[in-house]
Amino acid sequence: AGDHMGAGEAANMAKYAAGEVVCNAVDRAIQTH
């Protein structure tokens, strides 16, 4: 939509959230096994 400031904030949040969840997901998957 061309909202680069809003996109910058949301993209950083998305990257943070995804980085946390992938580490947690793999760790929990290993623990499950």
PDB file of all heavy atoms in Angstrom:
ATOM      1  N   ALA A   1       0.814  -1.218   0.000  1.00  0.00           N
ATOM      2  CA  ALA A   1       0.000   0.000   0.000  1.00  0.00           C
ATOM      3  C   ALA A   1       0.846   1.266   0.000  1.00  0.00           C
ATOM      4  O   ALA A   1       0.310   2.368  -0.076  1.00  0.00           O
ATOM      5  CB  ALA A   1      -0.929  -0.004   1.214  1.00  0.00           C
ATOM      6  N   GLY A   2       2.160   1.123   0.091  1.00  0.00           N
ATOM      7  CA  GLY A   2       3.040   2.282   0.066  1.00  0.00           C
ATOM      8  C   GLY A   2       3.270   2.937   1.407  1.00  0.00           C
ATOM      9  O   GLY A   2       3.872   4.011   1.482  1.00  0.00           O
ATOM     10  N   ASP A   3       2.808   2.301   2.486  1.00  0.00           N
ATOM     11  CA  ASP A   3       3.028   2.831   3.839  1.00  0.00           C
ATOM     12  C   ASP A   3       4.352   2.277   4.353  1.00  0.00           C
ATOM     13  O   ASP A   3       4.398   1.290   5.088  1.00  0.00           O
ATOM     14  CB  ASP A   3       1.872   2.421   4.758  1.00  0.00           C
ATOM     15  CG  ASP A   3       2.007   2.994   6.168  1.00  0.00           C
ATOM     16  OD1 ASP A   3       3.036   3.648   6.452  1.00  0.00           O
ATOM     17  OD2 ASP A   3       1.091   2.765   6.990  1.00  0.00           O
ATOM     18  N   HIS A   4       5.437   2.928   3.973  1.00  0.00           N
ATOM     19  CA  HIS A   4       6.752   2.364   4.248  1.00  0.00           C
ATOM     20  C   HIS A   4       7.133   2.447   5.723  1.00  0.00           C
ATOM     21  O   HIS A   4       7.826   1.563   6.237  1.00  0.00           O
ATOM     22  CB  HIS A   4       7.800   3.040   3.368  1.00  0.00           C
ATOM     23  CG  HIS A   4       7.597   2.776   1.914  1.00  0.00           C
ATOM     24  ND1 HIS A   4       7.632   1.506   1.370  1.00  0.00           N
ATOM     25  CD2 HIS A   4       7.316   3.608   0.880  1.00  0.00           C
ATOM     26  CE1 HIS A   4       7.402   1.563   0.079  1.00  0.00           C
ATOM     27  NE2 HIS A   4       7.207   2.832  -0.253  1.00  0.00           N
ATOM     28  N   MET A   5       6.699   3.478   6.418  1.00  0.00           N
ATOM     29  CA  MET A   5       6.981   3.554   7.855  1.00  0.00           C
ATOM     30  C   MET A   5       6.198   2.468   8.593  1.00  0.00           C
ATOM     31  O   MET A   5       6.741   1.765   9.449  1.00  0.00           O
ATOM     32  CB  MET A   5       6.634   4.936   8.388  1.00  0.00           C
ATOM     33  CG  MET A   5       7.634   6.018   8.025  1.00  0.00           C
ATOM     34  SD  MET A   5       9.319   5.649   8.617  1.00  0.00           S
ATOM     35  CE  MET A   5       9.055   5.677  10.392  1.00  0.00           C
ATOM     36  N   GLY A   6       4.927   2.335   8.277  1.00  0.00           N
ATOM     37  CA  GLY A   6       4.124   1.284   8.895  1.00  0.00           C
ATOM     38  C   GLY A   6       4.641  -0.094   8.544  1.00  0.00           C
ATOM     39  O   GLY A   6       4.673  -0.995   9.387  1.00  0.00           O
ATOM     40  N   ALA A   7       5.054  -0.262   7.291  1.00  0.00           N
ATOM     41  CA  ALA A   7       5.594  -1.555   6.863  1.00  0.00           C
ATOM     42  C   ALA A   7       6.896  -1.871   7.567  1.00  0.00           C
ATOM     43  O   ALA A   7       7.164  -3.021   7.923  1.00  0.00           O
ATOM     44  CB  ALA A   7       5.800  -1.554   5.347  1.00  0.00           C
ATOM     45  N   GLY A   8       7.730  -0.841   7.786  1.00  0.00           N
ATOM     46  CA  GLY A   8       8.993  -1.058   8.483  1.00  0.00           C
ATOM     47  C   GLY A   8       8.771  -1.541   9.898  1.00  0.00           C
ATOM     48  O   GLY A   8       9.447  -2.467  10.365  1.00  0.00           O
ATOM     49  N   GLU A   9       7.838  -0.921  10.596  1.00  0.00           N
ATOM     50  CA  GLU A   9       7.516  -1.346  11.958  1.00  0.00           C
ATOM     51  C   GLU A   9       6.972  -2.771  11.962  1.00  0.00           C
ATOM     52  O   GLU A   9       7.419  -3.624  12.735  1.00  0.00           O
ATOM     53  CB  GLU A   9       6.500  -0.391  12.574  1.00  0.00           C
ATOM     54  CG  GLU A   9       6.098  -0.769  13.996  1.00  0.00           C
ATOM     55  CD  GLU A   9       4.999   0.126  14.543  1.00  0.00           C
ATOM     56  OE1 GLU A   9       3.962   0.256  13.855  1.00  0.00           O
ATOM     57  OE2 GLU A   9       5.186   0.690  15.638  1.00  0.00           O
ATOM     58  N   ALA A  10       6.009  -3.046  11.088  1.00  0.00           N
ATOM     59  CA  ALA A  10       5.385  -4.364  11.060  1.00  0.00           C
ATOM     60  C   ALA A  10       6.363  -5.435  10.604  1.00  0.00           C
ATOM     61  O   ALA A  10       6.351  -6.563  11.120  1.00  0.00           O
ATOM     62  CB  ALA A  10       4.163  -4.340  10.137  1.00  0.00           C
ATOM     63  N   ALA A  11       7.235  -5.108   9.649  1.00  0.00           N
ATOM     64  CA  ALA A  11       8.206  -6.089   9.158  1.00  0.00           C
ATOM     65  C   ALA A  11       9.198  -6.466  10.250  1.00  0.00           C
ATOM     66  O   ALA A  11       9.591  -7.633  10.375  1.00  0.00           O
ATOM     67  CB  ALA A  11       8.940  -5.538   7.936  1.00  0.00           C
ATOM     68  N   ASN A  12       9.620  -5.485  11.046  1.00  0.00           N
ATOM     69  CA  ASN A  12      10.516  -5.787  12.157  1.00  0.00           C
ATOM     70  C   ASN A  12       9.814  -6.638  13.214  1.00  0.00           C
ATOM     71  O   ASN A  12      10.396  -7.581  13.757  1.00  0.00           O
ATOM     72  CB  ASN A  12      11.045  -4.490  12.769  1.00  0.00           C
ATOM     73  CG  ASN A  12      12.265  -3.959  12.050  1.00  0.00           C
ATOM     74  OD1 ASN A  12      13.360  -4.490  12.166  1.00  0.00           O
ATOM     75  ND2 ASN A  12      12.076  -2.904  11.271  1.00  0.00           N
ATOM     76  N   MET A  13       8.562  -6.321  13.509  1.00  0.00           N
ATOM     77  CA  MET A  13       7.802  -7.123  14.457  1.00  0.00           C
ATOM     78  C   MET A  13       7.628  -8.551  13.947  1.00  0.00           C
ATOM     79  O   MET A  13       7.760  -9.522  14.703  1.00  0.00           O
ATOM     80  CB  MET A  13       6.432  -6.492  14.701  1.00  0.00           C
ATOM     81  CG  MET A  13       6.457  -5.203  15.497  1.00  0.00           C
ATOM     82  SD  MET A  13       4.772  -4.581  15.717  1.00  0.00           S
ATOM     83  CE  MET A  13       5.073  -3.135  16.738  1.00  0.00           C
ATOM     84  N   ALA A  14       7.305  -8.679  12.661  1.00  0.00           N
ATOM     85  CA  ALA A  14       7.106 -10.001  12.076  1.00  0.00           C
ATOM     86  C   ALA A  14       8.382 -10.825  12.132  1.00  0.00           C
ATOM     87  O   ALA A  14       8.362 -12.018  12.475  1.00  0.00           O
ATOM     88  CB  ALA A  14       6.629  -9.865  10.628  1.00  0.00           C
ATOM     89  N   LYS A  15       9.491 -10.181  11.811  1.00  0.00           N
ATOM     90  CA  LYS A  15      10.769 -10.888  11.828  1.00  0.00           C
ATOM     91  C   LYS A  15      11.124 -11.325  13.246  1.00  0.00           C
ATOM     92  O   LYS A  15      11.599 -12.445  13.471  1.00  0.00           O
ATOM     93  CB  LYS A  15      11.857  -9.989  11.227  1.00  0.00           C
ATOM     94  CG  LYS A  15      13.153 -10.727  10.909  1.00  0.00           C
ATOM     95  CD  LYS A  15      14.074 -10.738  12.095  1.00  0.00           C
ATOM     96  CE  LYS A  15      15.255 -11.651  11.859  1.00  0.00           C
ATOM     97  NZ  LYS A  15      16.063 -11.817  13.089  1.00  0.00           N
ATOM     98  N   TYR A  16      10.885 -10.448  14.221  1.00  0.00           N
ATOM     99  CA  TYR A  16      11.138 -10.800  15.624  1.00  0.00           C
ATOM    100  C   TYR A  16      10.273 -11.977  16.036  1.00  0.00           C
ATOM    101  O   TYR A  16      10.769 -12.972  16.593  1.00  0.00           O
ATOM    102  CB  TYR A  16      10.848  -9.600  16.520  1.00  0.00           C
ATOM    103  CG  TYR A  16      10.992  -9.907  18.002  1.00  0.00           C
ATOM    104  CD1 TYR A  16      12.204  -9.726  18.650  1.00  0.00           C
ATOM    105  CD2 TYR A  16       9.916 -10.413  18.729  1.00  0.00           C
ATOM    106  CE1 TYR A  16      12.339 -10.029  19.998  1.00  0.00           C
ATOM    107  CE2 TYR A  16      10.046 -10.717  20.073  1.00  0.00           C
ATOM    108  CZ  TYR A  16      11.253 -10.521  20.701  1.00  0.00           C
ATOM    109  OH  TYR A  16      11.383 -10.835  22.034  1.00  0.00           O
ATOM    110  N   ALA A  17       8.967 -11.885  15.791  1.00  0.00           N
ATOM    111  CA  ALA A  17       8.040 -12.944  16.208  1.00  0.00           C
ATOM    112  C   ALA A  17       8.375 -14.270  15.538  1.00  0.00           C
ATOM    113  O   ALA A  17       8.343 -15.332  16.177  1.00  0.00           O
ATOM    114  CB  ALA A  17       6.604 -12.532  15.883  1.00  0.00           C
ATOM    115  N   ALA A  18       8.714 -14.222  14.263  1.00  0.00           N
ATOM    116  CA  ALA A  18       9.023 -15.454  13.536  1.00  0.00           C
ATOM    117  C   ALA A  18      10.327 -16.074  14.026  1.00  0.00           C
ATOM    118  O   ALA A  18      10.447 -17.302  14.127  1.00  0.00           O
ATOM    119  CB  ALA A  18       9.109 -15.161  12.042  1.00  0.00           C
ATOM    120  N   GLY A  19      11.317 -15.223  14.333  1.00  0.00           N
ATOM    121  CA  GLY A  19      12.576 -15.744  14.866  1.00  0.00           C
ATOM    122  C   GLY A  19      12.399 -16.437  16.198  1.00  0.00           C
ATOM    123  O   GLY A  19      13.027 -17.462  16.474  1.00  0.00           O
ATOM    124  N   GLU A  20      11.527 -15.883  17.041  1.00  0.00           N
ATOM    125  CA  GLU A  20      11.261 -16.510  18.329  1.00  0.00           C
ATOM    126  C   GLU A  20      10.512 -17.822  18.165  1.00  0.00           C
ATOM    127  O   GLU A  20      10.845 -18.838  18.785  1.00  0.00           O
ATOM    128  CB  GLU A  20      10.451 -15.549  19.214  1.00  0.00           C
ATOM    129  CG  GLU A  20      11.205 -14.285  19.621  1.00  0.00           C
ATOM    130  CD  GLU A  20      12.490 -14.596  20.363  1.00  0.00           C
ATOM    131  OE1 GLU A  20      12.435 -15.140  21.475  1.00  0.00           O
ATOM    132  OE2 GLU A  20      13.567 -14.290  19.804  1.00  0.00           O
ATOM    133  N   VAL A  21       9.498 -17.823  17.324  1.00  0.00           N
ATOM    134  CA  VAL A  21       8.660 -19.021  17.234  1.00  0.00           C
ATOM    135  C   VAL A  21       9.394 -20.173  16.557  1.00  0.00           C
ATOM    136  O   VAL A  21       9.190 -21.339  16.922  1.00  0.00           O
ATOM    137  CB  VAL A  21       7.325 -18.723  16.527  1.00  0.00           C
ATOM    138  CG1 VAL A  21       7.492 -18.477  15.038  1.00  0.00           C
ATOM    139  CG2 VAL A  21       6.346 -19.883  16.728  1.00  0.00           C
ATOM    140  N   VAL A  22      10.260 -19.890  15.596  1.00  0.00           N
ATOM    141  CA  VAL A  22      10.940 -21.009  14.943  1.00  0.00           C
ATOM    142  C   VAL A  22      11.921 -21.679  15.909  1.00  0.00           C
ATOM    143  O   VAL A  22      12.059 -22.912  15.930  1.00  0.00           O
ATOM    144  CB  VAL A  22      11.638 -20.581  13.642  1.00  0.00           C
ATOM    145  CG1 VAL A  22      12.854 -19.693  13.888  1.00  0.00           C
ATOM    146  CG2 VAL A  22      12.047 -21.805  12.827  1.00  0.00           C
ATOM    147  N   CYS A  23      12.583 -20.884  16.755  1.00  0.00           N
ATOM    148  CA  CYS A  23      13.465 -21.479  17.762  1.00  0.00           C
ATOM    149  C   CYS A  23      12.662 -22.306  18.760  1.00  0.00           C
ATOM    150  O   CYS A  23      13.040 -23.427  19.109  1.00  0.00           O
ATOM    151  CB  CYS A  23      14.242 -20.384  18.487  1.00  0.00           C
ATOM    152  SG  CYS A  23      15.526 -19.593  17.496  1.00  0.00           S
ATOM    153  N   ASN A  24      11.532 -21.753  19.210  1.00  0.00           N
ATOM    154  CA  ASN A  24      10.687 -22.478  20.152  1.00  0.00           C
ATOM    155  C   ASN A  24      10.093 -23.732  19.514  1.00  0.00           C
ATOM    156  O   ASN A  24       9.998 -24.785  20.149  1.00  0.00           O
ATOM    157  CB  ASN A  24       9.556 -21.574  20.651  1.00  0.00           C
ATOM    158  CG  ASN A  24      10.064 -20.460  21.547  1.00  0.00           C
ATOM    159  OD1 ASN A  24      11.127 -20.572  22.157  1.00  0.00           O
ATOM    160  ND2 ASN A  24       9.314 -19.373  21.622  1.00  0.00           N
ATOM    161  N   ALA A  25       9.678 -23.622  18.268  1.00  0.00           N
ATOM    162  CA  ALA A  25       9.035 -24.750  17.595  1.00  0.00           C
ATOM    163  C   ALA A  25       9.989 -25.927  17.450  1.00  0.00           C
ATOM    164  O   ALA A  25       9.625 -27.080  17.717  1.00  0.00           O
ATOM    165  CB  ALA A  25       8.518 -24.313  16.225  1.00  0.00           C
ATOM    166  N   VAL A  26      11.210 -25.648  17.021  1.00  0.00           N
ATOM    167  CA  VAL A  26      12.179 -26.728  16.835  1.00  0.00           C
ATOM    168  C   VAL A  26      12.565 -27.321  18.189  1.00  0.00           C
ATOM    169  O   VAL A  26      12.670 -28.545  18.345  1.00  0.00           O
ATOM    170  CB  VAL A  26      13.416 -26.222  16.070  1.00  0.00           C
ATOM    171  CG1 VAL A  26      14.492 -27.298  16.011  1.00  0.00           C
ATOM    172  CG2 VAL A  26      13.025 -25.795  14.651  1.00  0.00           C
ATOM    173  N   ASP A  27      12.762 -26.459  19.191  1.00  0.00           N
ATOM    174  CA  ASP A  27      13.115 -26.951  20.522  1.00  0.00           C
ATOM    175  C   ASP A  27      12.002 -27.845  21.094  1.00  0.00           C
ATOM    176  O   ASP A  27      12.277 -28.923  21.635  1.00  0.00           O
ATOM    177  CB  ASP A  27      13.366 -25.768  21.448  1.00  0.00           C
ATOM    178  CG  ASP A  27      13.811 -26.203  22.831  1.00  0.00           C
ATOM    179  OD1 ASP A  27      14.941 -26.710  22.960  1.00  0.00           O
ATOM    180  OD2 ASP A  27      13.019 -26.050  23.782  1.00  0.00           O
ATOM    181  N   ARG A  28      10.765 -27.403  20.971  1.00  0.00           N
ATOM    182  CA  ARG A  28       9.648 -28.193  21.491  1.00  0.00           C
ATOM    183  C   ARG A  28       9.450 -29.478  20.696  1.00  0.00           C
ATOM    184  O   ARG A  28       9.075 -30.510  21.265  1.00  0.00           O
ATOM    185  CB  ARG A  28       8.376 -27.345  21.469  1.00  0.00           C
ATOM    186  CG  ARG A  28       8.396 -26.188  22.470  1.00  0.00           C
ATOM    187  CD  ARG A  28       7.313 -25.177  22.167  1.00  0.00           C
ATOM    188  NE  ARG A  28       7.373 -24.020  23.066  1.00  0.00           N
ATOM    189  CZ  ARG A  28       6.737 -22.871  22.851  1.00  0.00           C
ATOM    190  NH1 ARG A  28       5.996 -22.713  21.749  1.00  0.00           N
ATOM    191  NH2 ARG A  28       6.845 -21.882  23.720  1.00  0.00           N
ATOM    192  N   ALA A  29       9.700 -29.418  19.410  1.00  0.00           N
ATOM    193  CA  ALA A  29       9.584 -30.627  18.594  1.00  0.00           C
ATOM    194  C   ALA A  29      10.619 -31.667  19.009  1.00  0.00           C
ATOM    195  O   ALA A  29      10.321 -32.867  19.096  1.00  0.00           O
ATOM    196  CB  ALA A  29       9.731 -30.280  17.115  1.00  0.00           C
ATOM    197  N   ILE A  30      11.844 -31.203  19.260  1.00  0.00           N
ATOM    198  CA  ILE A  30      12.889 -32.117  19.725  1.00  0.00           C
ATOM    199  C   ILE A  30      12.502 -32.713  21.069  1.00  0.00           C
ATOM    200  O   ILE A  30      12.629 -33.925  21.301  1.00  0.00           O
ATOM    201  CB  ILE A  30      14.241 -31.391  19.800  1.00  0.00           C
ATOM    202  CG1 ILE A  30      14.750 -31.086  18.384  1.00  0.00           C
ATOM    203  CG2 ILE A  30      15.272 -32.217  20.572  1.00  0.00           C
ATOM    204  CD1 ILE A  30      15.999 -30.232  18.336  1.00  0.00           C
ATOM    205  N   GLN A  31      12.005 -31.884  21.973  1.00  0.00           N
ATOM    206  CA  GLN A  31      11.614 -32.366  23.295  1.00  0.00           C
ATOM    207  C   GLN A  31      10.475 -33.385  23.195  1.00  0.00           C
ATOM    208  O   GLN A  31      10.448 -34.365  23.941  1.00  0.00           O
ATOM    209  CB  GLN A  31      11.193 -31.194  24.180  1.00  0.00           C
ATOM    210  CG  GLN A  31      11.132 -31.537  25.668  1.00  0.00           C
ATOM    211  CD  GLN A  31      12.512 -31.825  26.263  1.00  0.00           C
ATOM    212  OE1 GLN A  31      13.527 -31.390  25.712  1.00  0.00           O
ATOM    213  NE2 GLN A  31      12.556 -32.565  27.348  1.00  0.00           N
ATOM    214  N   THR A  32       9.563 -33.162  22.280  1.00  0.00           N
ATOM    215  CA  THR A  32       8.461 -34.104  22.064  1.00  0.00           C
ATOM    216  C   THR A  32       8.983 -35.478  21.667  1.00  0.00           C
ATOM    217  O   THR A  32       8.443 -36.511  22.082  1.00  0.00           O
ATOM    218  CB  THR A  32       7.513 -33.565  20.978  1.00  0.00           C
ATOM    219  OG1 THR A  32       6.965 -32.316  21.400  1.00  0.00           O
ATOM    220  CG2 THR A  32       6.380 -34.542  20.701  1.00  0.00           C
ATOM    221  N   HIS A  33      10.038 -35.489  20.882  1.00  0.00           N
ATOM    222  CA  HIS A  33      10.604 -36.750  20.394  1.00  0.00           C
ATOM    223  C   HIS A  33      11.524 -37.430  21.401  1.00  0.00           C
ATOM    224  O   HIS A  33      11.925 -38.580  21.185  1.00  0.00           O
ATOM    225  CB  HIS A  33      11.399 -36.507  19.102  1.00  0.00           C
ATOM    226  CG  HIS A  33      10.548 -36.315  17.892  1.00  0.00           C
ATOM    227  ND1 HIS A  33       9.780 -35.189  17.691  1.00  0.00           N
ATOM    228  CD2 HIS A  33      10.348 -37.113  16.809  1.00  0.00           C
ATOM    229  CE1 HIS A  33       9.152 -35.291  16.529  1.00  0.00           C
ATOM    230  NE2 HIS A  33       9.473 -36.442  15.982  1.00  0.00           N
TER     231      HIS A  33
END
